[in-house]
Amino acid sequence: MDVTERDWTRLGAVIRLASIEQERAAIFHRFPELRNGHAPSANGATASRRFSSAARRRMSAGMRKYWARRKAAARKSKAS
């Protein structure tokens, strides 16, 4: 059986993945709060990426205005 370069590369990748998994386990052991996928903020609180429905509506309205202004500016520059 001939061992190809791909076989050696795959073996190296398997070994590296095992090493990464060991490092990951050590990190989670030391910092269990990272398991839920949220990194703590500077003051120790968990960062939340959720917005209220009112905030989402305000952001949506703001983005509609932003894109309307850009579209109008593009039309104005094309007309010139």
PDB file of N, CA and C in Angstrom:
ATOM      1  N   MET A   1       0.844  -1.180   0.000  1.00  0.00           N
ATOM      2  CA  MET A   1       0.000   0.000   0.000  1.00  0.00           C
ATOM      3  C   MET A   1       0.887   1.241   0.000  1.00  0.00           C
ATOM      4  N   ASP A   2       0.678   2.104  -0.965  1.00  0.00           N
ATOM      5  CA  ASP A   2       1.446   3.338  -1.072  1.00  0.00           C
ATOM      6  C   ASP A   2       0.782   4.420  -0.232  1.00  0.00           C
ATOM      7  N   VAL A   3       1.595   5.104   0.547  1.00  0.00           N
ATOM      8  CA  VAL A   3       1.109   6.222   1.351  1.00  0.00           C
ATOM      9  C   VAL A   3       1.373   7.494   0.555  1.00  0.00           C
ATOM     10  N   THR A   4       0.304   8.228   0.302  1.00  0.00           N
ATOM     11  CA  THR A   4       0.423   9.436  -0.509  1.00  0.00           C
ATOM     12  C   THR A   4       0.600  10.668   0.381  1.00  0.00           C
ATOM     13  N   GLU A   5       0.908  11.763  -0.274  1.00  0.00           N
ATOM     14  CA  GLU A   5       1.046  13.027   0.447  1.00  0.00           C
ATOM     15  C   GLU A   5      -0.272  13.411   1.110  1.00  0.00           C
ATOM     16  N   ARG A   6      -1.364  13.105   0.429  1.00  0.00           N
ATOM     17  CA  ARG A   6      -2.694  13.391   0.981  1.00  0.00           C
ATOM     18  C   ARG A   6      -2.914  12.606   2.264  1.00  0.00           C
ATOM     19  N   ASP A   7      -2.471  11.358   2.319  1.00  0.00           N
ATOM     20  CA  ASP A   7      -2.613  10.544   3.525  1.00  0.00           C
ATOM     21  C   ASP A   7      -1.855  11.179   4.700  1.00  0.00           C
ATOM     22  N   TRP A   8      -0.618  11.642   4.428  1.00  0.00           N
ATOM     23  CA  TRP A   8       0.174  12.287   5.472  1.00  0.00           C
ATOM     24  C   TRP A   8      -0.482  13.593   5.921  1.00  0.00           C
ATOM     25  N   THR A   9      -1.012  14.330   4.971  1.00  0.00           N
ATOM     26  CA  THR A   9      -1.676  15.588   5.285  1.00  0.00           C
ATOM     27  C   THR A   9      -2.908  15.339   6.141  1.00  0.00           C
ATOM     28  N   ARG A  10      -3.669  14.326   5.763  1.00  0.00           N
ATOM     29  CA  ARG A  10      -4.878  13.975   6.530  1.00  0.00           C
ATOM     30  C   ARG A  10      -4.501  13.554   7.946  1.00  0.00           C
ATOM     31  N   LEU A  11      -3.459  12.758   8.097  1.00  0.00           N
ATOM     32  CA  LEU A  11      -3.016  12.327   9.415  1.00  0.00           C
ATOM     33  C   LEU A  11      -2.606  13.536  10.252  1.00  0.00           C
ATOM     34  N   GLY A  12      -1.881  14.459   9.657  1.00  0.00           N
ATOM     35  CA  GLY A  12      -1.495  15.679  10.359  1.00  0.00           C
ATOM     36  C   GLY A  12      -2.706  16.487  10.791  1.00  0.00           C
ATOM     37  N   ALA A  13      -3.711  16.554   9.921  1.00  0.00           N
ATOM     38  CA  ALA A  13      -4.927  17.296  10.237  1.00  0.00           C
ATOM     39  C   ALA A  13      -5.669  16.639  11.401  1.00  0.00           C
ATOM     40  N   VAL A  14      -5.738  15.313  11.404  1.00  0.00           N
ATOM     41  CA  VAL A  14      -6.414  14.594  12.491  1.00  0.00           C
ATOM     42  C   VAL A  14      -5.704  14.863  13.818  1.00  0.00           C
ATOM     43  N   ILE A  15      -4.381  14.829  13.800  1.00  0.00           N
ATOM     44  CA  ILE A  15      -3.611  15.087  15.010  1.00  0.00           C
ATOM     45  C   ILE A  15      -3.813  16.526  15.485  1.00  0.00           C
ATOM     46  N   ARG A  16      -3.814  17.469  14.552  1.00  0.00           N
ATOM     47  CA  ARG A  16      -4.010  18.887  14.898  1.00  0.00           C
ATOM     48  C   ARG A  16      -5.398  19.125  15.474  1.00  0.00           C
ATOM     49  N   LEU A  17      -6.409  18.475  14.881  1.00  0.00           N
ATOM     50  CA  LEU A  17      -7.772  18.630  15.405  1.00  0.00           C
ATOM     51  C   LEU A  17      -7.879  18.083  16.824  1.00  0.00           C
ATOM     52  N   ALA A  18      -7.212  16.973  17.103  1.00  0.00           N
ATOM     53  CA  ALA A  18      -7.217  16.414  18.454  1.00  0.00           C
ATOM     54  C   ALA A  18      -6.570  17.392  19.427  1.00  0.00           C
ATOM     55  N   SER A  19      -5.486  18.023  18.997  1.00  0.00           N
ATOM     56  CA  SER A  19      -4.801  19.006  19.831  1.00  0.00           C
ATOM     57  C   SER A  19      -5.704  20.211  20.099  1.00  0.00           C
ATOM     58  N   ILE A  20      -6.380  20.674  19.071  1.00  0.00           N
ATOM     59  CA  ILE A  20      -7.296  21.808  19.211  1.00  0.00           C
ATOM     60  C   ILE A  20      -8.423  21.455  20.167  1.00  0.00           C
ATOM     61  N   GLU A  21      -8.957  20.251  20.051  1.00  0.00           N
ATOM     62  CA  GLU A  21     -10.049  19.816  20.930  1.00  0.00           C
ATOM     63  C   GLU A  21      -9.586  19.763  22.386  1.00  0.00           C
ATOM     64  N   GLN A  22      -8.351  19.320  22.627  1.00  0.00           N
ATOM     65  CA  GLN A  22      -7.813  19.310  23.993  1.00  0.00           C
ATOM     66  C   GLN A  22      -7.684  20.730  24.527  1.00  0.00           C
ATOM     67  N   GLU A  23      -7.208  21.630  23.685  1.00  0.00           N
ATOM     68  CA  GLU A  23      -7.074  23.021  24.095  1.00  0.00           C
ATOM     69  C   GLU A  23      -8.443  23.639  24.371  1.00  0.00           C
ATOM     70  N   ARG A  24      -9.417  23.316  23.544  1.00  0.00           N
ATOM     71  CA  ARG A  24     -10.784  23.809  23.715  1.00  0.00           C
ATOM     72  C   ARG A  24     -11.361  23.338  25.044  1.00  0.00           C
ATOM     73  N   ALA A  25     -11.159  22.055  25.358  1.00  0.00           N
ATOM     74  CA  ALA A  25     -11.648  21.503  26.620  1.00  0.00           C
ATOM     75  C   ALA A  25     -10.998  22.206  27.808  1.00  0.00           C
ATOM     76  N   ALA A  26      -9.696  22.487  27.702  1.00  0.00           N
ATOM     77  CA  ALA A  26      -9.001  23.178  28.787  1.00  0.00           C
ATOM     78  C   ALA A  26      -9.541  24.597  28.971  1.00  0.00           C
ATOM     79  N   ILE A  27      -9.825  25.278  27.871  1.00  0.00           N
ATOM     80  CA  ILE A  27     -10.376  26.637  27.947  1.00  0.00           C
ATOM     81  C   ILE A  27     -11.751  26.607  28.597  1.00  0.00           C
ATOM     82  N   PHE A  28     -12.615  25.679  28.176  1.00  0.00           N
ATOM     83  CA  PHE A  28     -13.955  25.583  28.764  1.00  0.00           C
ATOM     84  C   PHE A  28     -13.894  25.181  30.235  1.00  0.00           C
ATOM     85  N   HIS A  29     -12.898  24.393  30.605  1.00  0.00           N
ATOM     86  CA  HIS A  29     -12.741  24.020  32.008  1.00  0.00           C
ATOM     87  C   HIS A  29     -12.394  25.258  32.832  1.00  0.00           C
ATOM     88  N   ARG A  30     -11.533  26.105  32.283  1.00  0.00           N
ATOM     89  CA  ARG A  30     -11.099  27.311  32.986  1.00  0.00           C
ATOM     90  C   ARG A  30     -12.160  28.417  32.938  1.00  0.00           C
ATOM     91  N   PHE A  31     -12.889  28.515  31.829  1.00  0.00           N
ATOM     92  CA  PHE A  31     -13.898  29.559  31.649  1.00  0.00           C
ATOM     93  C   PHE A  31     -15.239  28.930  31.241  1.00  0.00           C
ATOM     94  N   PRO A  32     -15.956  28.308  32.159  1.00  0.00           N
ATOM     95  CA  PRO A  32     -17.205  27.609  31.796  1.00  0.00           C
ATOM     96  C   PRO A  32     -18.282  28.522  31.227  1.00  0.00           C
ATOM     97  N   GLU A  33     -18.210  29.824  31.528  1.00  0.00           N
ATOM     98  CA  GLU A  33     -19.234  30.744  31.013  1.00  0.00           C
ATOM     99  C   GLU A  33     -19.160  30.901  29.503  1.00  0.00           C
ATOM    100  N   LEU A  34     -18.053  30.481  28.893  1.00  0.00           N
ATOM    101  CA  LEU A  34     -17.922  30.585  27.437  1.00  0.00           C
ATOM    102  C   LEU A  34     -18.672  29.480  26.704  1.00  0.00           C
ATOM    103  N   ARG A  35     -19.121  28.463  27.407  1.00  0.00           N
ATOM    104  CA  ARG A  35     -19.814  27.331  26.772  1.00  0.00           C
ATOM    105  C   ARG A  35     -21.083  27.759  26.045  1.00  0.00           C
ATOM    106  N   ASN A  36     -21.780  28.776  26.547  1.00  0.00           N
ATOM    107  CA  ASN A  36     -23.048  29.180  25.925  1.00  0.00           C
ATOM    108  C   ASN A  36     -22.854  30.060  24.707  1.00  0.00           C
ATOM    109  N   GLY A  37     -21.604  30.332  24.336  1.00  0.00           N
ATOM    110  CA  GLY A  37     -21.336  31.084  23.119  1.00  0.00           C
ATOM    111  C   GLY A  37     -21.291  32.579  23.288  1.00  0.00           C
ATOM    112  N   HIS A  38     -21.525  33.075  24.496  1.00  0.00           N
ATOM    113  CA  HIS A  38     -21.484  34.515  24.733  1.00  0.00           C
ATOM    114  C   HIS A  38     -20.245  34.852  25.532  1.00  0.00           C
ATOM    115  N   ALA A  39     -19.433  35.732  24.996  1.00  0.00           N
ATOM    116  CA  ALA A  39     -18.243  36.176  25.716  1.00  0.00           C
ATOM    117  C   ALA A  39     -18.658  37.209  26.756  1.00  0.00           C
ATOM    118  N   PRO A  40     -18.078  37.159  27.938  1.00  0.00           N
ATOM    119  CA  PRO A  40     -18.425  38.159  28.946  1.00  0.00           C
ATOM    120  C   PRO A  40     -17.914  39.533  28.538  1.00  0.00           C
ATOM    121  N   SER A  41     -18.624  40.565  28.943  1.00  0.00           N
ATOM    122  CA  SER A  41     -18.192  41.924  28.628  1.00  0.00           C
ATOM    123  C   SER A  41     -17.124  42.354  29.631  1.00  0.00           C
ATOM    124  N   ALA A  42     -16.646  43.562  29.507  1.00  0.00           N
ATOM    125  CA  ALA A  42     -15.563  44.059  30.365  1.00  0.00           C
ATOM    126  C   ALA A  42     -15.964  44.065  31.837  1.00  0.00           C
ATOM    127  N   ASN A  43     -17.247  44.303  32.134  1.00  0.00           N
ATOM    128  CA  ASN A  43     -17.664  44.348  33.532  1.00  0.00           C
ATOM    129  C   ASN A  43     -18.084  42.980  34.056  1.00  0.00           C
ATOM    130  N   GLY A  44     -17.899  41.926  33.263  1.00  0.00           N
ATOM    131  CA  GLY A  44     -18.202  40.570  33.718  1.00  0.00           C
ATOM    132  C   GLY A  44     -19.578  40.076  33.335  1.00  0.00           C
ATOM    133  N   ALA A  45     -20.428  40.966  32.856  1.00  0.00           N
ATOM    134  CA  ALA A  45     -21.771  40.559  32.452  1.00  0.00           C
ATOM    135  C   ALA A  45     -21.717  39.883  31.092  1.00  0.00           C
ATOM    136  N   THR A  46     -22.627  38.982  30.853  1.00  0.00           N
ATOM    137  CA  THR A  46     -22.673  38.304  29.565  1.00  0.00           C
ATOM    138  C   THR A  46     -23.243  39.252  28.518  1.00  0.00           C
ATOM    139  N   ALA A  47     -22.570  39.352  27.405  1.00  0.00           N
ATOM    140  CA  ALA A  47     -23.025  40.231  26.327  1.00  0.00           C
ATOM    141  C   ALA A  47     -24.275  39.639  25.688  1.00  0.00           C
ATOM    142  N   SER A  48     -25.292  40.448  25.531  1.00  0.00           N
ATOM    143  CA  SER A  48     -26.529  39.993  24.916  1.00  0.00           C
ATOM    144  C   SER A  48     -26.661  40.639  23.550  1.00  0.00           C
ATOM    145  N   ARG A  49     -27.065  39.888  22.577  1.00  0.00           N
ATOM    146  CA  ARG A  49     -27.214  40.406  21.225  1.00  0.00           C
ATOM    147  C   ARG A  49     -28.689  40.487  20.837  1.00  0.00           C
ATOM    148  N   ARG A  50     -29.555  40.438  21.784  1.00  0.00           N
ATOM    149  CA  ARG A  50     -30.983  40.484  21.490  1.00  0.00           C
ATOM    150  C   ARG A  50     -31.496  41.898  21.640  1.00  0.00           C
ATOM    151  N   PHE A  51     -32.392  42.256  20.740  1.00  0.00           N
ATOM    152  CA  PHE A  51     -32.971  43.582  20.770  1.00  0.00           C
ATOM    153  C   PHE A  51     -34.472  43.459  21.000  1.00  0.00           C
ATOM    154  N   SER A  52     -35.041  44.444  21.647  1.00  0.00           N
ATOM    155  CA  SER A  52     -36.485  44.456  21.834  1.00  0.00           C
ATOM    156  C   SER A  52     -37.149  44.691  20.488  1.00  0.00           C
ATOM    157  N   SER A  53     -38.426  44.376  20.428  1.00  0.00           N
ATOM    158  CA  SER A  53     -39.134  44.578  19.157  1.00  0.00           C
ATOM    159  C   SER A  53     -39.192  46.063  18.808  1.00  0.00           C
ATOM    160  N   ALA A  54     -39.283  46.922  19.807  1.00  0.00           N
ATOM    161  CA  ALA A  54     -39.293  48.366  19.542  1.00  0.00           C
ATOM    162  C   ALA A  54     -37.950  48.811  18.967  1.00  0.00           C
ATOM    163  N   ALA A  55     -36.867  48.273  19.507  1.00  0.00           N
ATOM    164  CA  ALA A  55     -35.540  48.628  18.989  1.00  0.00           C
ATOM    165  C   ALA A  55     -35.378  48.135  17.555  1.00  0.00           C
ATOM    166  N   ARG A  56     -35.875  46.926  17.277  1.00  0.00           N
ATOM    167  CA  ARG A  56     -35.792  46.407  15.905  1.00  0.00           C
ATOM    168  C   ARG A  56     -36.589  47.281  14.949  1.00  0.00           C
ATOM    169  N   ARG A  57     -37.765  47.751  15.367  1.00  0.00           N
ATOM    170  CA  ARG A  57     -38.574  48.636  14.518  1.00  0.00           C
ATOM    171  C   ARG A  57     -37.833  49.949  14.253  1.00  0.00           C
ATOM    172  N   ARG A  58     -37.190  50.534  15.287  1.00  0.00           N
ATOM    173  CA  ARG A  58     -36.438  51.773  15.106  1.00  0.00           C
ATOM    174  C   ARG A  58     -35.268  51.558  14.156  1.00  0.00           C
ATOM    175  N   MET A  59     -34.560  50.443  14.329  1.00  0.00           N
ATOM    176  CA  MET A  59     -33.431  50.161  13.435  1.00  0.00           C
ATOM    177  C   MET A  59     -33.913  49.962  12.005  1.00  0.00           C
ATOM    178  N   SER A  60     -35.025  49.262  11.850  1.00  0.00           N
ATOM    179  CA  SER A  60     -35.571  49.014  10.521  1.00  0.00           C
ATOM    180  C   SER A  60     -35.964  50.333   9.848  1.00  0.00           C
ATOM    181  N   ALA A  61     -36.630  51.191  10.600  1.00  0.00           N
ATOM    182  CA  ALA A  61     -37.028  52.490  10.041  1.00  0.00           C
ATOM    183  C   ALA A  61     -35.798  53.314   9.676  1.00  0.00           C
ATOM    184  N   GLY A  62     -34.811  53.292  10.522  1.00  0.00           N
ATOM    185  CA  GLY A  62     -33.575  54.024  10.236  1.00  0.00           C
ATOM    186  C   GLY A  62     -32.883  53.514   8.988  1.00  0.00           C
ATOM    187  N   MET A  63     -32.843  52.204   8.813  1.00  0.00           N
ATOM    188  CA  MET A  63     -32.200  51.633   7.620  1.00  0.00           C
ATOM    189  C   MET A  63     -32.998  51.947   6.359  1.00  0.00           C
ATOM    190  N   ARG A  64     -34.324  51.952   6.460  1.00  0.00           N
ATOM    191  CA  ARG A  64     -35.133  52.328   5.287  1.00  0.00           C
ATOM    192  C   ARG A  64     -34.820  53.768   4.872  1.00  0.00           C
ATOM    193  N   LYS A  65     -34.711  54.673   5.859  1.00  0.00           N
ATOM    194  CA  LYS A  65     -34.369  56.070   5.557  1.00  0.00           C
ATOM    195  C   LYS A  65     -32.968  56.155   4.950  1.00  0.00           C
ATOM    196  N   TYR A  66     -32.038  55.406   5.514  1.00  0.00           N
ATOM    197  CA  TYR A  66     -30.658  55.404   5.012  1.00  0.00           C
ATOM    198  C   TYR A  66     -30.618  54.987   3.553  1.00  0.00           C
ATOM    199  N   TRP A  67     -31.271  53.875   3.233  1.00  0.00           N
ATOM    200  CA  TRP A  67     -31.234  53.381   1.859  1.00  0.00           C
ATOM    201  C   TRP A  67     -32.014  54.288   0.913  1.00  0.00           C
ATOM    202  N   ALA A  68     -33.076  54.912   1.395  1.00  0.00           N
ATOM    203  CA  ALA A  68     -33.818  55.852   0.557  1.00  0.00           C
ATOM    204  C   ALA A  68     -32.930  57.048   0.197  1.00  0.00           C
ATOM    205  N   ARG A  69     -32.175  57.560   1.178  1.00  0.00           N
ATOM    206  CA  ARG A  69     -31.257  58.672   0.903  1.00  0.00           C
ATOM    207  C   ARG A  69     -30.178  58.260  -0.087  1.00  0.00           C
ATOM    208  N   ARG A  70     -29.632  57.068   0.066  1.00  0.00           N
ATOM    209  CA  ARG A  70     -28.582  56.596  -0.857  1.00  0.00           C
ATOM    210  C   ARG A  70     -29.134  56.432  -2.265  1.00  0.00           C
ATOM    211  N   LYS A  71     -30.335  55.869  -2.354  1.00  0.00           N
ATOM    212  CA  LYS A  71     -30.951  55.668  -3.665  1.00  0.00           C
ATOM    213  C   LYS A  71     -31.213  57.015  -4.336  1.00  0.00           C
ATOM    214  N   ALA A  72     -31.712  57.983  -3.560  1.00  0.00           N
ATOM    215  CA  ALA A  72     -31.980  59.311  -4.107  1.00  0.00           C
ATOM    216  C   ALA A  72     -30.680  59.983  -4.562  1.00  0.00           C
ATOM    217  N   ALA A  73     -29.634  59.837  -3.779  1.00  0.00           N
ATOM    218  CA  ALA A  73     -28.342  60.418  -4.145  1.00  0.00           C
ATOM    219  C   ALA A  73     -27.789  59.767  -5.405  1.00  0.00           C
ATOM    220  N   ALA A  74     -27.975  58.473  -5.536  1.00  0.00           N
ATOM    221  CA  ALA A  74     -27.506  57.765  -6.742  1.00  0.00           C
ATOM    222  C   ALA A  74     -28.280  58.247  -7.959  1.00  0.00           C
ATOM    223  N   ARG A  75     -29.589  58.416  -7.835  1.00  0.00           N
ATOM    224  CA  ARG A  75     -30.403  58.900  -8.945  1.00  0.00           C
ATOM    225  C   ARG A  75     -29.998  60.318  -9.330  1.00  0.00           C
ATOM    226  N   LYS A  76     -29.710  61.140  -8.311  1.00  0.00           N
ATOM    227  CA  LYS A  76     -29.321  62.524  -8.557  1.00  0.00           C
ATOM    228  C   LYS A  76     -27.969  62.577  -9.277  1.00  0.00           C
ATOM    229  N   SER A  77     -27.027  61.735  -8.885  1.00  0.00           N
ATOM    230  CA  SER A  77     -25.708  61.753  -9.529  1.00  0.00           C
ATOM    231  C   SER A  77     -25.779  61.189 -10.941  1.00  0.00           C
ATOM    232  N   LYS A  78     -26.688  60.258 -11.193  1.00  0.00           N
ATOM    233  CA  LYS A  78     -26.846  59.723 -12.550  1.00  0.00           C
ATOM    234  C   LYS A  78     -27.459  60.766 -13.482  1.00  0.00           C
ATOM    235  N   ALA A  79     -28.372  61.580 -12.936  1.00  0.00           N
ATOM    236  CA  ALA A  79     -29.043  62.595 -13.739  1.00  0.00           C
ATOM    237  C   ALA A  79     -28.084  63.726 -14.109  1.00  0.00           C
ATOM    238  N   SER A  80     -27.081  63.954 -13.326  1.00  0.00           N
ATOM    239  CA  SER A  80     -26.140  65.063 -13.598  1.00  0.00           C
ATOM    240  C   SER A  80     -25.223  64.783 -14.735  1.00  0.00           C
TER     241      SER A  80
END
